[in-house]
Amino acid sequence: MAQVTLPPFIQSISGQVGNITFRAYASGKTGFYLSPTQKRNTPVTKSEKQARELFAQRVQHVNNIMRENPYITRKQAWTIVKQLPS
């Protein structure tokens, strides 16, 4: 990560411009880095697809539990869903 010295008329900068991301740190310094441009070369494997589908199903279960029980926290709902069989 590179460090940037800003001109006096710019108080701070953060965010992304193209593939350059600027970040303001708590110390008052500003840094930037280049976002990766390389795309995924390999196709999604069968196990990755299954894991993503299982995660999507569990997210739906968590949302349903929270909708039915407004006093339950998201963490508690995830604990319940993790105990369900895969």
PDB file of N, CA and C in Angstrom:
ATOM      1  N   MET A   1       0.835  -1.163   0.000  1.00  0.00           N
ATOM      2  CA  MET A   1       0.000   0.000   0.000  1.00  0.00           C
ATOM      3  C   MET A   1       0.887   1.235   0.000  1.00  0.00           C
ATOM      4  N   ALA A   2       0.534   2.175  -0.829  1.00  0.00           N
ATOM      5  CA  ALA A   2       1.273   3.426  -0.903  1.00  0.00           C
ATOM      6  C   ALA A   2       0.609   4.465  -0.013  1.00  0.00           C
ATOM      7  N   GLN A   3       1.396   5.448   0.416  1.00  0.00           N
ATOM      8  CA  GLN A   3       0.846   6.546   1.194  1.00  0.00           C
ATOM      9  C   GLN A   3       0.770   7.774   0.313  1.00  0.00           C
ATOM     10  N   VAL A   4      -0.219   8.606   0.584  1.00  0.00           N
ATOM     11  CA  VAL A   4      -0.476   9.782  -0.233  1.00  0.00           C
ATOM     12  C   VAL A   4      -0.394  11.022   0.637  1.00  0.00           C
ATOM     13  N   THR A   5       0.285  12.063   0.151  1.00  0.00           N
ATOM     14  CA  THR A   5       0.266  13.364   0.809  1.00  0.00           C
ATOM     15  C   THR A   5      -0.703  14.240   0.037  1.00  0.00           C
ATOM     16  N   LEU A   6      -1.769  14.658   0.723  1.00  0.00           N
ATOM     17  CA  LEU A   6      -2.812  15.433   0.066  1.00  0.00           C
ATOM     18  C   LEU A   6      -2.475  16.918   0.074  1.00  0.00           C
ATOM     19  N   PRO A   7      -2.871  17.634  -0.957  1.00  0.00           N
ATOM     20  CA  PRO A   7      -2.683  19.090  -0.946  1.00  0.00           C
ATOM     21  C   PRO A   7      -3.564  19.710   0.141  1.00  0.00           C
ATOM     22  N   PRO A   8      -3.199  20.901   0.623  1.00  0.00           N
ATOM     23  CA  PRO A   8      -3.923  21.494   1.755  1.00  0.00           C
ATOM     24  C   PRO A   8      -5.417  21.722   1.501  1.00  0.00           C
ATOM     25  N   PHE A   9      -5.840  21.920   0.258  1.00  0.00           N
ATOM     26  CA  PHE A   9      -7.249  22.191   0.007  1.00  0.00           C
ATOM     27  C   PHE A   9      -8.121  20.938   0.043  1.00  0.00           C
ATOM     28  N   ILE A  10      -7.516  19.769   0.129  1.00  0.00           N
ATOM     29  CA  ILE A  10      -8.268  18.516   0.261  1.00  0.00           C
ATOM     30  C   ILE A  10      -8.075  18.017   1.687  1.00  0.00           C
ATOM     31  N   GLN A  11      -9.165  17.982   2.446  1.00  0.00           N
ATOM     32  CA  GLN A  11      -9.086  17.542   3.842  1.00  0.00           C
ATOM     33  C   GLN A  11      -8.821  16.031   3.926  1.00  0.00           C
ATOM     34  N   SER A  12      -9.612  15.261   3.191  1.00  0.00           N
ATOM     35  CA  SER A  12      -9.429  13.814   3.187  1.00  0.00           C
ATOM     36  C   SER A  12     -10.074  13.260   1.927  1.00  0.00           C
ATOM     37  N   ILE A  13      -9.702  12.049   1.605  1.00  0.00           N
ATOM     38  CA  ILE A  13     -10.275  11.377   0.442  1.00  0.00           C
ATOM     39  C   ILE A  13     -10.426   9.904   0.791  1.00  0.00           C
ATOM     40  N   SER A  14     -11.544   9.326   0.385  1.00  0.00           N
ATOM     41  CA  SER A  14     -11.733   7.887   0.545  1.00  0.00           C
ATOM     42  C   SER A  14     -12.696   7.435  -0.531  1.00  0.00           C
ATOM     43  N   GLY A  15     -12.601   6.193  -0.894  1.00  0.00           N
ATOM     44  CA  GLY A  15     -13.479   5.655  -1.929  1.00  0.00           C
ATOM     45  C   GLY A  15     -12.674   5.098  -3.081  1.00  0.00           C
ATOM     46  N   GLN A  16     -13.355   4.866  -4.175  1.00  0.00           N
ATOM     47  CA  GLN A  16     -12.741   4.211  -5.315  1.00  0.00           C
ATOM     48  C   GLN A  16     -12.897   5.065  -6.562  1.00  0.00           C
ATOM     49  N   VAL A  17     -11.807   5.168  -7.299  1.00  0.00           N
ATOM     50  CA  VAL A  17     -11.801   5.839  -8.597  1.00  0.00           C
ATOM     51  C   VAL A  17     -11.181   4.848  -9.576  1.00  0.00           C
ATOM     52  N   GLY A  18     -12.015   4.302 -10.465  1.00  0.00           N
ATOM     53  CA  GLY A  18     -11.511   3.266 -11.371  1.00  0.00           C
ATOM     54  C   GLY A  18     -11.096   2.049 -10.560  1.00  0.00           C
ATOM     55  N   ASN A  19      -9.847   1.624 -10.732  1.00  0.00           N
ATOM     56  CA  ASN A  19      -9.364   0.477  -9.960  1.00  0.00           C
ATOM     57  C   ASN A  19      -8.422   0.922  -8.832  1.00  0.00           C
ATOM     58  N   ILE A  20      -8.433   2.206  -8.475  1.00  0.00           N
ATOM     59  CA  ILE A  20      -7.646   2.721  -7.362  1.00  0.00           C
ATOM     60  C   ILE A  20      -8.593   3.004  -6.199  1.00  0.00           C
ATOM     61  N   THR A  21      -8.272   2.428  -5.040  1.00  0.00           N
ATOM     62  CA  THR A  21      -9.086   2.623  -3.848  1.00  0.00           C
ATOM     63  C   THR A  21      -8.302   3.453  -2.848  1.00  0.00           C
ATOM     64  N   PHE A  22      -8.892   4.568  -2.415  1.00  0.00           N
ATOM     65  CA  PHE A  22      -8.286   5.439  -1.417  1.00  0.00           C
ATOM     66  C   PHE A  22      -8.901   5.126  -0.068  1.00  0.00           C
ATOM     67  N   ARG A  23      -8.062   5.208   0.981  1.00  0.00           N
ATOM     68  CA  ARG A  23      -8.554   4.910   2.317  1.00  0.00           C
ATOM     69  C   ARG A  23      -7.937   5.893   3.300  1.00  0.00           C
ATOM     70  N   ALA A  24      -8.778   6.484   4.156  1.00  0.00           N
ATOM     71  CA  ALA A  24      -8.309   7.377   5.211  1.00  0.00           C
ATOM     72  C   ALA A  24      -8.224   6.571   6.494  1.00  0.00           C
ATOM     73  N   TYR A  25      -7.073   6.597   7.163  1.00  0.00           N
ATOM     74  CA  TYR A  25      -6.859   5.836   8.381  1.00  0.00           C
ATOM     75  C   TYR A  25      -7.093   6.708   9.605  1.00  0.00           C
ATOM     76  N   ALA A  26      -7.302   6.082  10.760  1.00  0.00           N
ATOM     77  CA  ALA A  26      -7.557   6.809  11.998  1.00  0.00           C
ATOM     78  C   ALA A  26      -6.362   7.681  12.387  1.00  0.00           C
ATOM     79  N   SER A  27      -5.182   7.306  11.953  1.00  0.00           N
ATOM     80  CA  SER A  27      -3.983   8.081  12.275  1.00  0.00           C
ATOM     81  C   SER A  27      -3.930   9.395  11.501  1.00  0.00           C
ATOM     82  N   GLY A  28      -4.856   9.566  10.556  1.00  0.00           N
ATOM     83  CA  GLY A  28      -4.874  10.780   9.755  1.00  0.00           C
ATOM     84  C   GLY A  28      -4.182  10.620   8.419  1.00  0.00           C
ATOM     85  N   LYS A  29      -3.506   9.511   8.225  1.00  0.00           N
ATOM     86  CA  LYS A  29      -2.825   9.267   6.957  1.00  0.00           C
ATOM     87  C   LYS A  29      -3.812   8.719   5.936  1.00  0.00           C
ATOM     88  N   THR A  30      -3.494   8.928   4.678  1.00  0.00           N
ATOM     89  CA  THR A  30      -4.308   8.425   3.588  1.00  0.00           C
ATOM     90  C   THR A  30      -3.457   7.492   2.752  1.00  0.00           C
ATOM     91  N   GLY A  31      -4.024   6.354   2.385  1.00  0.00           N
ATOM     92  CA  GLY A  31      -3.308   5.395   1.556  1.00  0.00           C
ATOM     93  C   GLY A  31      -4.159   4.992   0.381  1.00  0.00           C
ATOM     94  N   PHE A  32      -3.527   4.358  -0.592  1.00  0.00           N
ATOM     95  CA  PHE A  32      -4.295   3.839  -1.717  1.00  0.00           C
ATOM     96  C   PHE A  32      -3.695   2.529  -2.175  1.00  0.00           C
ATOM     97  N   TYR A  33      -4.506   1.742  -2.829  1.00  0.00           N
ATOM     98  CA  TYR A  33      -4.041   0.491  -3.409  1.00  0.00           C
ATOM     99  C   TYR A  33      -4.845   0.200  -4.657  1.00  0.00           C
ATOM    100  N   LEU A  34      -4.278  -0.608  -5.513  1.00  0.00           N
ATOM    101  CA  LEU A  34      -4.940  -0.992  -6.758  1.00  0.00           C
ATOM    102  C   LEU A  34      -5.811  -2.208  -6.501  1.00  0.00           C
ATOM    103  N   SER A  35      -7.025  -2.146  -6.972  1.00  0.00           N
ATOM    104  CA  SER A  35      -7.933  -3.280  -6.855  1.00  0.00           C
ATOM    105  C   SER A  35      -7.488  -4.362  -7.835  1.00  0.00           C
ATOM    106  N   PRO A  36      -7.649  -5.615  -7.467  1.00  0.00           N
ATOM    107  CA  PRO A  36      -7.262  -6.677  -8.382  1.00  0.00           C
ATOM    108  C   PRO A  36      -8.120  -6.662  -9.648  1.00  0.00           C
ATOM    109  N   THR A  37      -7.503  -6.893 -10.777  1.00  0.00           N
ATOM    110  CA  THR A  37      -8.232  -6.885 -12.046  1.00  0.00           C
ATOM    111  C   THR A  37      -8.383  -8.283 -12.633  1.00  0.00           C
ATOM    112  N   GLN A  38      -7.698  -9.250 -12.068  1.00  0.00           N
ATOM    113  CA  GLN A  38      -7.748 -10.606 -12.601  1.00  0.00           C
ATOM    114  C   GLN A  38      -9.084 -11.253 -12.262  1.00  0.00           C
ATOM    115  N   LYS A  39      -9.690 -11.847 -13.247  1.00  0.00           N
ATOM    116  CA  LYS A  39     -10.954 -12.554 -13.067  1.00  0.00           C
ATOM    117  C   LYS A  39     -10.681 -14.026 -12.772  1.00  0.00           C
ATOM    118  N   ARG A  40     -11.697 -14.708 -12.294  1.00  0.00           N
ATOM    119  CA  ARG A  40     -11.565 -16.127 -11.989  1.00  0.00           C
ATOM    120  C   ARG A  40     -11.372 -16.913 -13.279  1.00  0.00           C
ATOM    121  N   ASN A  41     -10.349 -17.744 -13.322  1.00  0.00           N
ATOM    122  CA  ASN A  41     -10.027 -18.521 -14.522  1.00  0.00           C
ATOM    123  C   ASN A  41     -10.737 -19.867 -14.561  1.00  0.00           C
ATOM    124  N   THR A  42     -11.028 -20.415 -13.388  1.00  0.00           N
ATOM    125  CA  THR A  42     -11.579 -21.764 -13.341  1.00  0.00           C
ATOM    126  C   THR A  42     -13.094 -21.713 -13.140  1.00  0.00           C
ATOM    127  N   PRO A  43     -13.805 -22.652 -13.695  1.00  0.00           N
ATOM    128  CA  PRO A  43     -15.260 -22.690 -13.492  1.00  0.00           C
ATOM    129  C   PRO A  43     -15.589 -23.112 -12.054  1.00  0.00           C
ATOM    130  N   VAL A  44     -16.800 -22.826 -11.643  1.00  0.00           N
ATOM    131  CA  VAL A  44     -17.261 -23.195 -10.305  1.00  0.00           C
ATOM    132  C   VAL A  44     -17.383 -24.709 -10.242  1.00  0.00           C
ATOM    133  N   THR A  45     -16.816 -25.287  -9.193  1.00  0.00           N
ATOM    134  CA  THR A  45     -16.872 -26.737  -9.048  1.00  0.00           C
ATOM    135  C   THR A  45     -18.230 -27.160  -8.492  1.00  0.00           C
ATOM    136  N   LYS A  46     -18.487 -28.456  -8.576  1.00  0.00           N
ATOM    137  CA  LYS A  46     -19.753 -29.003  -8.097  1.00  0.00           C
ATOM    138  C   LYS A  46     -19.901 -28.776  -6.596  1.00  0.00           C
ATOM    139  N   SER A  47     -18.822 -28.973  -5.839  1.00  0.00           N
ATOM    140  CA  SER A  47     -18.892 -28.788  -4.386  1.00  0.00           C
ATOM    141  C   SER A  47     -19.103 -27.318  -4.023  1.00  0.00           C
ATOM    142  N   GLU A  48     -18.512 -26.395  -4.795  1.00  0.00           N
ATOM    143  CA  GLU A  48     -18.739 -24.968  -4.545  1.00  0.00           C
ATOM    144  C   GLU A  48     -20.206 -24.610  -4.792  1.00  0.00           C
ATOM    145  N   LYS A  49     -20.745 -25.141  -5.869  1.00  0.00           N
ATOM    146  CA  LYS A  49     -22.145 -24.872  -6.195  1.00  0.00           C
ATOM    147  C   LYS A  49     -23.072 -25.415  -5.104  1.00  0.00           C
ATOM    148  N   GLN A  50     -22.777 -26.628  -4.619  1.00  0.00           N
ATOM    149  CA  GLN A  50     -23.588 -27.220  -3.557  1.00  0.00           C
ATOM    150  C   GLN A  50     -23.502 -26.403  -2.272  1.00  0.00           C
ATOM    151  N   ALA A  51     -22.298 -25.935  -1.944  1.00  0.00           N
ATOM    152  CA  ALA A  51     -22.110 -25.133  -0.737  1.00  0.00           C
ATOM    153  C   ALA A  51     -22.880 -23.815  -0.834  1.00  0.00           C
ATOM    154  N   ARG A  52     -22.869 -23.209  -2.001  1.00  0.00           N
ATOM    155  CA  ARG A  52     -23.592 -21.946  -2.192  1.00  0.00           C
ATOM    156  C   ARG A  52     -25.102 -22.153  -2.098  1.00  0.00           C
ATOM    157  N   GLU A  53     -25.586 -23.274  -2.657  1.00  0.00           N
ATOM    158  CA  GLU A  53     -27.013 -23.576  -2.577  1.00  0.00           C
ATOM    159  C   GLU A  53     -27.437 -23.839  -1.135  1.00  0.00           C
ATOM    160  N   LEU A  54     -26.603 -24.569  -0.385  1.00  0.00           N
ATOM    161  CA  LEU A  54     -26.899 -24.843   1.021  1.00  0.00           C
ATOM    162  C   LEU A  54     -26.921 -23.540   1.818  1.00  0.00           C
ATOM    163  N   PHE A  55     -25.960 -22.660   1.555  1.00  0.00           N
ATOM    164  CA  PHE A  55     -25.921 -21.370   2.248  1.00  0.00           C
ATOM    165  C   PHE A  55     -27.175 -20.554   1.933  1.00  0.00           C
ATOM    166  N   ALA A  56     -27.591 -20.536   0.676  1.00  0.00           N
ATOM    167  CA  ALA A  56     -28.793 -19.784   0.285  1.00  0.00           C
ATOM    168  C   ALA A  56     -30.028 -20.338   1.007  1.00  0.00           C
ATOM    169  N   GLN A  57     -30.124 -21.665   1.119  1.00  0.00           N
ATOM    170  CA  GLN A  57     -31.247 -22.270   1.830  1.00  0.00           C
ATOM    171  C   GLN A  57     -31.237 -21.879   3.301  1.00  0.00           C
ATOM    172  N   ARG A  58     -30.035 -21.888   3.898  1.00  0.00           N
ATOM    173  CA  ARG A  58     -29.936 -21.540   5.317  1.00  0.00           C
ATOM    174  C   ARG A  58     -30.280 -20.072   5.556  1.00  0.00           C
ATOM    175  N   VAL A  59     -29.901 -19.214   4.640  1.00  0.00           N
ATOM    176  CA  VAL A  59     -30.257 -17.792   4.761  1.00  0.00           C
ATOM    177  C   VAL A  59     -31.772 -17.644   4.743  1.00  0.00           C
ATOM    178  N   GLN A  60     -32.448 -18.387   3.862  1.00  0.00           N
ATOM    179  CA  GLN A  60     -33.906 -18.342   3.811  1.00  0.00           C
ATOM    180  C   GLN A  60     -34.511 -18.821   5.136  1.00  0.00           C
ATOM    181  N   HIS A  61     -33.939 -19.890   5.711  1.00  0.00           N
ATOM    182  CA  HIS A  61     -34.432 -20.396   6.991  1.00  0.00           C
ATOM    183  C   HIS A  61     -34.261 -19.345   8.086  1.00  0.00           C
ATOM    184  N   VAL A  62     -33.102 -18.707   8.117  1.00  0.00           N
ATOM    185  CA  VAL A  62     -32.848 -17.674   9.126  1.00  0.00           C
ATOM    186  C   VAL A  62     -33.855 -16.541   8.984  1.00  0.00           C
ATOM    187  N   ASN A  63     -34.086 -16.096   7.764  1.00  0.00           N
ATOM    188  CA  ASN A  63     -35.046 -15.013   7.537  1.00  0.00           C
ATOM    189  C   ASN A  63     -36.457 -15.422   7.967  1.00  0.00           C
ATOM    190  N   ASN A  64     -36.833 -16.670   7.680  1.00  0.00           N
ATOM    191  CA  ASN A  64     -38.156 -17.154   8.093  1.00  0.00           C
ATOM    192  C   ASN A  64     -38.278 -17.201   9.615  1.00  0.00           C
ATOM    193  N   ILE A  65     -37.238 -17.691  10.285  1.00  0.00           N
ATOM    194  CA  ILE A  65     -37.261 -17.768  11.750  1.00  0.00           C
ATOM    195  C   ILE A  65     -37.390 -16.367  12.346  1.00  0.00           C
ATOM    196  N   MET A  66     -36.631 -15.422  11.799  1.00  0.00           N
ATOM    197  CA  MET A  66     -36.679 -14.065  12.338  1.00  0.00           C
ATOM    198  C   MET A  66     -38.017 -13.389  12.053  1.00  0.00           C
ATOM    199  N   ARG A  67     -38.646 -13.712  10.928  1.00  0.00           N
ATOM    200  CA  ARG A  67     -39.949 -13.147  10.602  1.00  0.00           C
ATOM    201  C   ARG A  67     -41.017 -13.695  11.553  1.00  0.00           C
ATOM    202  N   GLU A  68     -40.929 -14.994  11.872  1.00  0.00           N
ATOM    203  CA  GLU A  68     -41.918 -15.624  12.748  1.00  0.00           C
ATOM    204  C   GLU A  68     -41.697 -15.277  14.219  1.00  0.00           C
ATOM    205  N   ASN A  69     -40.447 -15.005  14.601  1.00  0.00           N
ATOM    206  CA  ASN A  69     -40.097 -14.699  15.993  1.00  0.00           C
ATOM    207  C   ASN A  69     -39.364 -13.357  16.040  1.00  0.00           C
ATOM    208  N   PRO A  70     -40.084 -12.253  16.158  1.00  0.00           N
ATOM    209  CA  PRO A  70     -39.436 -10.941  16.088  1.00  0.00           C
ATOM    210  C   PRO A  70     -38.468 -10.652  17.236  1.00  0.00           C
ATOM    211  N   TYR A  71     -38.514 -11.423  18.313  1.00  0.00           N
ATOM    212  CA  TYR A  71     -37.653 -11.164  19.467  1.00  0.00           C
ATOM    213  C   TYR A  71     -36.350 -11.953  19.432  1.00  0.00           C
ATOM    214  N   ILE A  72     -36.171 -12.755  18.422  1.00  0.00           N
ATOM    215  CA  ILE A  72     -34.955 -13.561  18.315  1.00  0.00           C
ATOM    216  C   ILE A  72     -33.900 -12.780  17.526  1.00  0.00           C
ATOM    217  N   THR A  73     -32.642 -12.918  17.924  1.00  0.00           N
ATOM    218  CA  THR A  73     -31.571 -12.214  17.211  1.00  0.00           C
ATOM    219  C   THR A  73     -31.127 -13.054  16.010  1.00  0.00           C
ATOM    220  N   ARG A  74     -30.424 -12.408  15.096  1.00  0.00           N
ATOM    221  CA  ARG A  74     -29.918 -13.110  13.923  1.00  0.00           C
ATOM    222  C   ARG A  74     -28.939 -14.208  14.344  1.00  0.00           C
ATOM    223  N   LYS A  75     -28.114 -13.925  15.335  1.00  0.00           N
ATOM    224  CA  LYS A  75     -27.146 -14.920  15.810  1.00  0.00           C
ATOM    225  C   LYS A  75     -27.865 -16.154  16.365  1.00  0.00           C
ATOM    226  N   GLN A  76     -28.925 -15.934  17.127  1.00  0.00           N
ATOM    227  CA  GLN A  76     -29.690 -17.061  17.668  1.00  0.00           C
ATOM    228  C   GLN A  76     -30.351 -17.857  16.546  1.00  0.00           C
ATOM    229  N   ALA A  77     -30.850 -17.157  15.531  1.00  0.00           N
ATOM    230  CA  ALA A  77     -31.476 -17.837  14.395  1.00  0.00           C
ATOM    231  C   ALA A  77     -30.452 -18.695  13.658  1.00  0.00           C
ATOM    232  N   TRP A  78     -29.239 -18.165  13.471  1.00  0.00           N
ATOM    233  CA  TRP A  78     -28.193 -18.949  12.798  1.00  0.00           C
ATOM    234  C   TRP A  78     -27.818 -20.174  13.624  1.00  0.00           C
ATOM    235  N   THR A  79     -27.807 -20.034  14.950  1.00  0.00           N
ATOM    236  CA  THR A  79     -27.497 -21.181  15.811  1.00  0.00           C
ATOM    237  C   THR A  79     -28.532 -22.278  15.617  1.00  0.00           C
ATOM    238  N   ILE A  80     -29.794 -21.885  15.507  1.00  0.00           N
ATOM    239  CA  ILE A  80     -30.875 -22.863  15.281  1.00  0.00           C
ATOM    240  C   ILE A  80     -30.699 -23.532  13.921  1.00  0.00           C
ATOM    241  N   VAL A  81     -30.422 -22.748  12.893  1.00  0.00           N
ATOM    242  CA  VAL A  81     -30.321 -23.283  11.536  1.00  0.00           C
ATOM    243  C   VAL A  81     -29.108 -24.199  11.398  1.00  0.00           C
ATOM    244  N   LYS A  82     -28.027 -23.904  12.091  1.00  0.00           N
ATOM    245  CA  LYS A  82     -26.830 -24.740  12.002  1.00  0.00           C
ATOM    246  C   LYS A  82     -27.083 -26.147  12.549  1.00  0.00           C
ATOM    247  N   GLN A  83     -28.047 -26.263  13.454  1.00  0.00           N
ATOM    248  CA  GLN A  83     -28.354 -27.557  14.034  1.00  0.00           C
ATOM    249  C   GLN A  83     -29.224 -28.414  13.138  1.00  0.00           C
ATOM    250  N   LEU A  84     -29.805 -27.816  12.091  1.00  0.00           N
ATOM    251  CA  LEU A  84     -30.624 -28.586  11.168  1.00  0.00           C
ATOM    252  C   LEU A  84     -29.734 -29.491  10.328  1.00  0.00           C
ATOM    253  N   PRO A  85     -30.252 -30.649   9.888  1.00  0.00           N
ATOM    254  CA  PRO A  85     -29.435 -31.520   9.026  1.00  0.00           C
ATOM    255  C   PRO A  85     -29.195 -30.880   7.674  1.00  0.00           C
ATOM    256  N   SER A  86     -28.064 -31.168   7.088  1.00  0.00           N
ATOM    257  CA  SER A  86     -27.693 -30.566   5.799  1.00  0.00           C
ATOM    258  C   SER A  86     -28.543 -31.042   4.666  1.00  0.00           C
TER     259      SER A  86
END
